[in-house]
Amino acid sequence: MRVERERAEAAAAAALEAHGITPSDATATAEVLVSADARDKQSHGLLRLPRFVRGIDHGNVDPEGDVEVVRDAGAAATLAGGSRLGPVVAREAVGEATARADDYGIGAVGVRETNHLGMLGYYTDVIRRAGYVGVAVTNTEPAMPPYGGADPILGTNPIAVGIPSDPPFNLDMSTSSIARGSVLRARENGETLPEGVALDADGTPTTDPEAALNGVIRPFGGAKGSGLAIAVEILAGGLVGAAMGTGVTGTYHTEDECTKGDLFLAIDPEALGGPGFVDRVNGFVAELKAGDIAAGVDSIRLPGEASTAAADAEAVTVDDDVWAEVSAMADGA
C-alpha cells in the first residue's frame, strides 16, 4: 500500500517515543527507515521497526547513552555509541567523518557499542550528496558459512559506496546471495526465495524463508563473496574494536546485546586527484550509459541510480501487514 511519507515517519517516531526514545532520536530513526521504503528497499524499512522496539524493550538500547569519541588520531577516530539506536549513532559518525575529511582530506570513523543502523546506503548517499566519496561497511550476526564451510560464522556484511556523480552512483550490497532482510520480508509475505541462495539446517538447498532463517544464507559468487564478507567482518568488527564472527549478536535477534561494528569513510576528491573529479566521473558515467543496450533490458543504470532518485518521494510503499503493525504501535503510544 502507499502511505504519505510524513504520516509514515510520524507513526514510526510515535512508536519509538512510546518506548522511551527521545523525540529527536525517534524522528531521526524514523526518517532513515522510511527513506528505505521510499527507495523500494522494504527489507530495511518499517519492517525493521518492531525489531528495533524489541531491542529497546529488552534493555539493549539506551535512550540516554552518550555518543563519544574514544580514540582520536586526526583523520581517524572511533566512536562509542552508548548503545543508542543505530541510525542515530551512524548519522553522528557520518558527520564526524565529513568534518575530518574537511580537515585532513579523508575521515575514517569506526563505531562500536551501537545497534542496527538500517539501510547502509542511506549513509553513503548522505556523504556523496555533500560532495565527498563515501564508503561504509558493517558486520551482522552470523548467517553465512565461509566458502567451503557449513557453519554460519559470517554475517551478510554489506558494503556501500557513494560517488557524487550525475546520475548518482550509490552501491549498497550485501555479501550474501540475498540480504537477510529480504528473507525476513519473504517470510512475512508468504513468498518463496530464489533457488540457490540458502540452505536449511540440514544443509539442503531451500526456497523456504523460515528454513533459510534457521539454516544459512550462501555468499554471493562463492569464494569471492565469502572473501569480501571476511574482509568486512575484520574492517567493521576487529578494526574498530567490535566483535567478529560468532561473537556478533543483536542485529537480527535484537533481544540480545548488539556487539557489531561499523566503519565510515568520507574522502574529499580534491585531496587525491585535484579539481575536476566530478567532471571526469560524469564523463565516464556518460560513456557507460551510452553503450548498446543488451536484449531484454530497458536502459543501463548505475548502482543505486533508481533508488536514489526515489529517495525524496512524498509517499512510500509499505506492506499491508507491516503498516498495520506500525499503526498499532503508534496508536498505542
Protein backbone atom coordinates (compact mmCIF):
# COMPACT_ATOMS: atom_id res chain seq x y z
CA MET A 1 0.00 0.00 0.00
CA ARG A 2 1.03 3.63 -0.48
CA VAL A 3 1.40 5.80 2.61
CA GLU A 4 2.21 9.51 2.75
CA ARG A 5 5.81 9.88 3.81
CA GLU A 6 5.04 12.38 6.55
CA ARG A 7 2.40 10.05 8.00
CA ALA A 8 4.76 7.06 7.90
CA GLU A 9 7.55 8.96 9.65
CA ALA A 10 5.17 10.30 12.29
CA ALA A 11 3.83 6.81 13.05
CA ALA A 12 7.31 5.31 13.36
CA ALA A 13 8.50 8.17 15.58
CA ALA A 14 5.41 7.86 17.81
CA ALA A 15 6.03 4.14 18.25
CA LEU A 16 9.64 4.75 19.28
CA GLU A 17 8.75 7.58 21.65
CA ALA A 18 6.19 5.30 23.31
CA HIS A 19 9.10 3.04 24.21
CA GLY A 20 11.21 5.75 25.82
CA ILE A 21 13.17 7.11 22.86
CA THR A 22 13.69 10.88 22.82
CA PRO A 23 11.72 12.83 20.17
CA SER A 24 14.90 13.81 18.29
CA ASP A 25 16.26 10.24 18.16
CA ALA A 26 12.83 8.88 17.25
CA THR A 27 12.47 11.36 14.39
CA ALA A 28 15.96 10.66 13.05
CA THR A 29 15.44 6.89 13.16
CA ALA A 30 12.01 7.11 11.55
CA GLU A 31 13.47 9.18 8.71
CA VAL A 32 16.13 6.53 7.99
CA LEU A 33 13.64 3.65 7.99
CA VAL A 34 11.07 5.40 5.84
CA SER A 35 13.79 6.50 3.44
CA ALA A 36 14.47 2.81 2.77
CA ASP A 37 10.80 2.27 1.95
CA ALA A 38 10.88 5.29 -0.37
CA ARG A 39 13.80 3.69 -2.20
CA ASP A 40 11.86 0.41 -2.58
CA LYS A 41 14.18 -1.26 -0.05
CA GLN A 42 11.37 -2.50 2.19
CA SER A 43 13.65 -5.15 3.71
CA HIS A 44 15.33 -2.32 5.66
CA GLY A 45 12.35 0.00 6.11
CA LEU A 46 9.45 -0.03 8.54
CA LEU A 47 9.64 -3.82 8.53
CA ARG A 48 12.56 -3.36 10.92
CA LEU A 49 10.71 -1.16 13.41
CA PRO A 50 9.26 -3.99 15.56
CA ARG A 51 12.76 -5.44 15.91
CA PHE A 52 14.11 -2.04 16.93
CA VAL A 53 11.37 -1.83 19.56
CA ARG A 54 12.13 -5.35 20.76
CA GLY A 55 15.73 -4.30 21.34
CA ILE A 56 14.53 -1.31 23.37
CA ASP A 57 12.18 -3.46 25.46
CA HIS A 58 14.98 -5.91 26.24
CA GLY A 59 17.22 -3.12 27.51
CA ASN A 60 19.70 -3.26 24.64
CA VAL A 61 19.08 0.36 23.60
CA ASP A 62 19.97 3.18 25.97
CA PRO A 63 17.83 6.22 25.05
CA GLU A 64 20.17 8.48 27.01
CA GLY A 65 23.51 6.88 26.09
CA ASP A 66 26.43 9.16 25.25
CA VAL A 67 27.93 9.05 21.77
CA GLU A 68 31.58 9.93 22.30
CA VAL A 69 34.95 9.83 20.57
CA VAL A 70 37.03 7.22 22.40
CA ARG A 71 40.03 7.25 20.04
CA ASP A 72 41.22 10.28 18.08
CA ALA A 73 44.07 10.09 15.59
CA GLY A 74 43.36 13.11 13.44
CA ALA A 75 41.91 11.76 10.21
CA ALA A 76 40.79 8.62 12.04
CA ALA A 77 38.56 8.25 15.07
CA THR A 78 36.43 5.68 16.88
CA LEU A 79 33.04 6.42 18.37
CA ALA A 80 31.40 4.53 21.21
CA GLY A 81 27.69 4.79 20.58
CA GLY A 82 26.47 4.42 24.14
CA SER A 83 24.01 1.76 22.90
CA ARG A 84 21.79 4.42 21.31
CA LEU A 85 19.68 3.50 18.28
CA GLY A 86 21.88 2.58 15.32
CA PRO A 87 20.66 5.27 12.89
CA VAL A 88 21.33 7.98 15.48
CA VAL A 89 24.90 6.82 16.06
CA ALA A 90 25.57 6.28 12.35
CA ARG A 91 24.42 9.79 11.47
CA GLU A 92 26.77 11.13 14.15
CA ALA A 93 29.62 9.06 12.67
CA VAL A 94 28.94 10.38 9.17
CA GLY A 95 29.12 13.95 10.46
CA GLU A 96 32.37 13.16 12.21
CA ALA A 97 33.83 11.58 9.05
CA THR A 98 32.96 14.50 6.77
CA ALA A 99 34.29 17.03 9.30
CA ARG A 100 37.62 15.19 9.41
CA ALA A 101 37.67 14.98 5.61
CA ASP A 102 37.44 18.77 5.57
CA ASP A 103 40.48 18.99 7.84
CA TYR A 104 42.61 16.12 6.53
CA GLY A 105 41.25 15.19 3.09
CA ILE A 106 39.88 11.93 4.47
CA GLY A 107 37.86 10.97 7.52
CA ALA A 108 37.72 7.38 8.78
CA VAL A 109 35.34 6.77 11.67
CA GLY A 110 34.79 3.42 13.34
CA VAL A 111 31.78 2.73 15.53
CA ARG A 112 31.12 0.26 18.32
CA GLU A 113 28.55 -0.05 21.13
CA THR A 114 25.70 0.69 18.75
CA ASN A 115 22.68 -1.07 17.19
CA HIS A 116 21.34 -1.98 13.75
CA LEU A 117 21.59 1.13 11.56
CA GLY A 118 19.00 0.28 8.87
CA MET A 119 19.93 0.70 5.21
CA LEU A 120 23.71 1.15 4.88
CA GLY A 121 23.42 3.01 1.57
CA TYR A 122 21.45 5.77 3.29
CA TYR A 123 24.68 6.98 4.87
CA THR A 124 26.87 6.85 1.76
CA ASP A 125 24.12 8.79 -0.01
CA VAL A 126 24.36 11.49 2.68
CA ILE A 127 28.15 11.59 2.22
CA ARG A 128 28.04 11.75 -1.58
CA ARG A 129 25.33 14.42 -1.59
CA ALA A 130 27.72 16.55 0.48
CA GLY A 131 30.34 16.24 -2.28
CA TYR A 132 32.54 13.51 -0.82
CA VAL A 133 33.21 9.93 -1.80
CA GLY A 134 31.62 7.72 0.85
CA VAL A 135 32.44 4.15 1.81
CA ALA A 136 30.69 2.22 4.58
CA VAL A 137 30.79 -1.34 5.90
CA THR A 138 29.02 -3.04 8.79
CA ASN A 139 29.00 -6.59 10.12
CA THR A 140 25.99 -8.56 11.28
CA GLU A 141 25.34 -11.62 13.37
CA PRO A 142 26.23 -14.93 11.70
CA ALA A 143 24.14 -16.09 8.76
CA MET A 144 26.68 -17.44 6.24
CA PRO A 145 29.39 -20.09 6.23
CA PRO A 146 32.78 -19.21 4.78
CA TYR A 147 33.44 -20.71 1.37
CA GLY A 148 33.92 -24.44 1.82
CA GLY A 149 32.32 -24.44 5.28
CA ALA A 150 28.92 -25.43 6.64
CA ASP A 151 28.58 -23.48 9.89
CA PRO A 152 27.27 -19.88 9.96
CA ILE A 153 30.18 -17.72 11.10
CA LEU A 154 29.96 -14.69 8.81
CA GLY A 155 27.28 -12.02 8.71
CA THR A 156 25.62 -10.89 5.49
CA ASN A 157 28.03 -7.95 5.90
CA PRO A 158 27.01 -5.20 3.46
CA ILE A 159 29.23 -2.74 1.63
CA ALA A 160 28.13 0.69 0.38
CA VAL A 161 29.96 3.18 -1.85
CA GLY A 162 28.63 6.61 -2.80
CA ILE A 163 30.10 8.83 -5.53
CA PRO A 164 28.99 12.46 -6.12
CA SER A 165 28.28 11.82 -9.80
CA ASP A 166 25.37 12.76 -12.07
CA PRO A 167 23.45 10.49 -12.25
CA PRO A 168 24.36 9.30 -8.76
CA PHE A 169 26.36 6.16 -8.02
CA ASN A 170 25.36 4.66 -4.67
CA LEU A 171 26.21 0.98 -4.44
CA ASP A 172 24.62 -0.85 -1.49
CA MET A 173 25.03 -4.61 -1.47
CA SER A 174 25.24 -7.45 0.98
CA THR A 175 27.99 -10.02 0.55
CA SER A 176 25.37 -12.77 0.68
CA SER A 177 23.31 -14.13 -2.21
CA ILE A 178 20.30 -12.41 -0.63
CA ALA A 179 20.04 -9.93 2.24
CA ARG A 180 18.69 -11.35 5.49
CA GLY A 181 16.11 -8.56 5.49
CA SER A 182 14.85 -9.80 2.12
CA VAL A 183 14.50 -13.30 3.57
CA LEU A 184 12.59 -11.84 6.51
CA ARG A 185 10.29 -9.91 4.18
CA ALA A 186 9.65 -13.03 2.09
CA ARG A 187 8.65 -14.91 5.24
CA GLU A 188 6.32 -12.12 6.34
CA ASN A 189 4.67 -12.05 2.89
CA GLY A 190 4.40 -15.80 2.45
CA GLU A 191 6.77 -15.77 -0.52
CA THR A 192 9.45 -18.23 -1.60
CA LEU A 193 13.14 -17.46 -2.13
CA PRO A 194 15.06 -17.76 -5.40
CA GLU A 195 16.80 -21.06 -6.00
CA GLY A 196 20.36 -21.42 -4.78
CA VAL A 197 20.55 -18.66 -2.16
CA ALA A 198 20.04 -20.60 1.08
CA LEU A 199 20.40 -23.95 2.86
CA ASP A 200 18.22 -25.31 5.65
CA ALA A 201 19.56 -26.52 8.99
CA ASP A 202 20.44 -29.89 7.44
CA GLY A 203 22.46 -28.29 4.65
CA THR A 204 19.83 -28.93 1.98
CA PRO A 205 19.06 -26.18 -0.57
CA THR A 206 15.78 -24.47 0.29
CA THR A 207 13.44 -21.79 -1.02
CA ASP A 208 11.52 -21.63 2.29
CA PRO A 209 12.37 -18.36 4.11
CA GLU A 210 11.72 -19.86 7.56
CA ALA A 211 14.06 -22.77 6.82
CA ALA A 212 16.65 -20.33 5.50
CA LEU A 213 16.49 -18.22 8.66
CA ASN A 214 17.09 -21.39 10.68
CA GLY A 215 19.82 -22.53 8.30
CA VAL A 216 22.38 -20.50 6.36
CA ILE A 217 22.44 -17.99 3.52
CA ARG A 218 25.04 -18.55 0.84
CA PRO A 219 27.69 -15.97 -0.05
CA PHE A 220 27.22 -14.40 -3.47
CA GLY A 221 29.73 -15.52 -6.07
CA GLY A 222 31.11 -18.38 -4.00
CA ALA A 223 34.66 -17.70 -2.81
CA LYS A 224 34.52 -14.06 -3.95
CA GLY A 225 31.53 -13.14 -1.79
CA SER A 226 32.94 -15.12 1.10
CA GLY A 227 36.23 -13.26 0.82
CA LEU A 228 34.51 -9.88 0.84
CA ALA A 229 32.38 -10.91 3.83
CA ILE A 230 35.53 -11.87 5.75
CA ALA A 231 37.11 -8.53 4.85
CA VAL A 232 34.04 -6.63 6.08
CA GLU A 233 33.99 -8.70 9.27
CA ILE A 234 37.54 -7.57 10.03
CA LEU A 235 37.16 -3.94 8.90
CA ALA A 236 33.82 -3.27 10.62
CA GLY A 237 34.47 -5.50 13.61
CA GLY A 238 38.07 -6.15 14.58
CA LEU A 239 39.50 -2.88 13.26
CA VAL A 240 37.16 -0.72 15.36
CA GLY A 241 37.22 -2.87 18.50
CA ALA A 242 33.85 -4.54 17.94
CA ALA A 243 33.03 -8.24 17.72
CA MET A 244 33.60 -10.58 14.78
CA GLY A 245 32.16 -13.91 13.67
CA THR A 246 30.16 -15.84 16.25
CA GLY A 247 30.83 -13.05 18.74
CA VAL A 248 28.44 -10.76 16.84
CA THR A 249 24.94 -10.65 18.31
CA GLY A 250 21.91 -8.39 18.34
CA THR A 251 21.50 -7.27 14.73
CA TYR A 252 18.76 -9.78 13.91
CA HIS A 253 17.90 -11.26 17.31
CA THR A 254 17.50 -7.85 18.91
CA GLU A 255 16.61 -9.33 22.27
CA ASP A 256 20.37 -9.89 22.56
CA GLU A 257 23.00 -7.19 23.15
CA CYS A 258 24.29 -5.73 19.88
CA THR A 259 28.05 -6.24 19.53
CA LYS A 260 28.68 -5.44 15.85
CA GLY A 261 30.69 -2.53 14.44
CA ASP A 262 30.63 -0.03 11.58
CA LEU A 263 33.26 1.81 9.56
CA PHE A 264 32.57 5.01 7.59
CA LEU A 265 34.97 6.76 5.21
CA ALA A 266 34.50 10.23 3.72
CA ILE A 267 37.06 11.29 1.10
CA ASP A 268 37.48 14.78 -0.31
CA PRO A 269 38.01 14.10 -4.05
CA GLU A 270 40.33 17.08 -4.48
CA ALA A 271 42.66 15.69 -1.82
CA LEU A 272 43.66 12.89 -4.19
CA GLY A 273 43.07 13.86 -7.80
CA GLY A 274 42.80 17.62 -7.60
CA PRO A 275 39.98 19.68 -9.14
CA GLY A 276 37.68 18.24 -11.81
CA PHE A 277 36.89 14.86 -10.23
CA VAL A 278 33.14 15.15 -10.71
CA ASP A 279 33.52 16.20 -14.35
CA ARG A 280 35.81 13.28 -15.02
CA VAL A 281 33.47 10.81 -13.37
CA ASN A 282 30.43 12.23 -15.15
CA GLY A 283 32.20 11.78 -18.47
CA PHE A 284 32.94 8.17 -17.61
CA VAL A 285 29.34 7.60 -16.49
CA ALA A 286 28.08 9.07 -19.76
CA GLU A 287 30.26 6.58 -21.63
CA LEU A 288 28.84 3.72 -19.59
CA LYS A 289 25.26 4.72 -20.24
CA ALA A 290 25.79 5.45 -23.94
CA GLY A 291 26.72 1.87 -24.78
CA ASP A 292 24.47 -0.51 -26.67
CA ILE A 293 21.71 -2.00 -24.53
CA ALA A 294 21.51 -5.76 -24.12
CA ALA A 295 18.42 -7.66 -25.21
CA GLY A 296 15.60 -7.55 -22.67
CA VAL A 297 16.97 -4.50 -20.85
CA ASP A 298 15.37 -1.06 -20.92
CA SER A 299 18.41 1.01 -20.01
CA ILE A 300 21.88 0.94 -18.47
CA ARG A 301 21.63 2.13 -14.88
CA LEU A 302 24.23 2.76 -12.23
CA PRO A 303 24.05 1.03 -8.86
CA GLY A 304 21.61 3.00 -6.72
CA GLU A 305 20.56 5.31 -9.56
CA ALA A 306 16.87 4.43 -9.37
CA SER A 307 16.66 4.17 -5.58
CA THR A 308 18.48 7.47 -5.06
CA ALA A 309 16.12 9.20 -7.47
CA ALA A 310 13.18 7.90 -5.41
CA ALA A 311 14.72 8.87 -2.05
CA ASP A 312 12.70 12.08 -1.69
CA ALA A 313 9.33 10.59 -2.70
CA GLU A 314 6.32 12.09 -0.89
CA ALA A 315 4.67 8.67 -0.49
CA VAL A 316 6.18 5.26 0.22
CA THR A 317 5.23 1.64 -0.40
CA VAL A 318 4.70 -0.40 2.77
CA ASP A 319 3.44 -3.97 3.03
CA ASP A 320 -0.11 -4.07 4.45
CA ASP A 321 0.80 -6.23 7.46
CA VAL A 322 3.80 -4.05 8.29
CA TRP A 323 1.72 -0.87 8.19
CA ALA A 324 -0.97 -2.45 10.38
CA GLU A 325 1.67 -3.36 12.98
CA VAL A 326 3.36 0.06 12.86
CA SER A 327 -0.01 1.82 13.11
CA ALA A 328 -1.00 -0.28 16.12
CA MET A 329 2.29 0.55 17.83
CA ALA A 330 1.77 4.26 17.12
CA ASP A 331 -1.87 4.22 18.21
CA GLY A 332 -0.86 2.60 21.47
CA ALA A 333 1.57 5.41 22.19
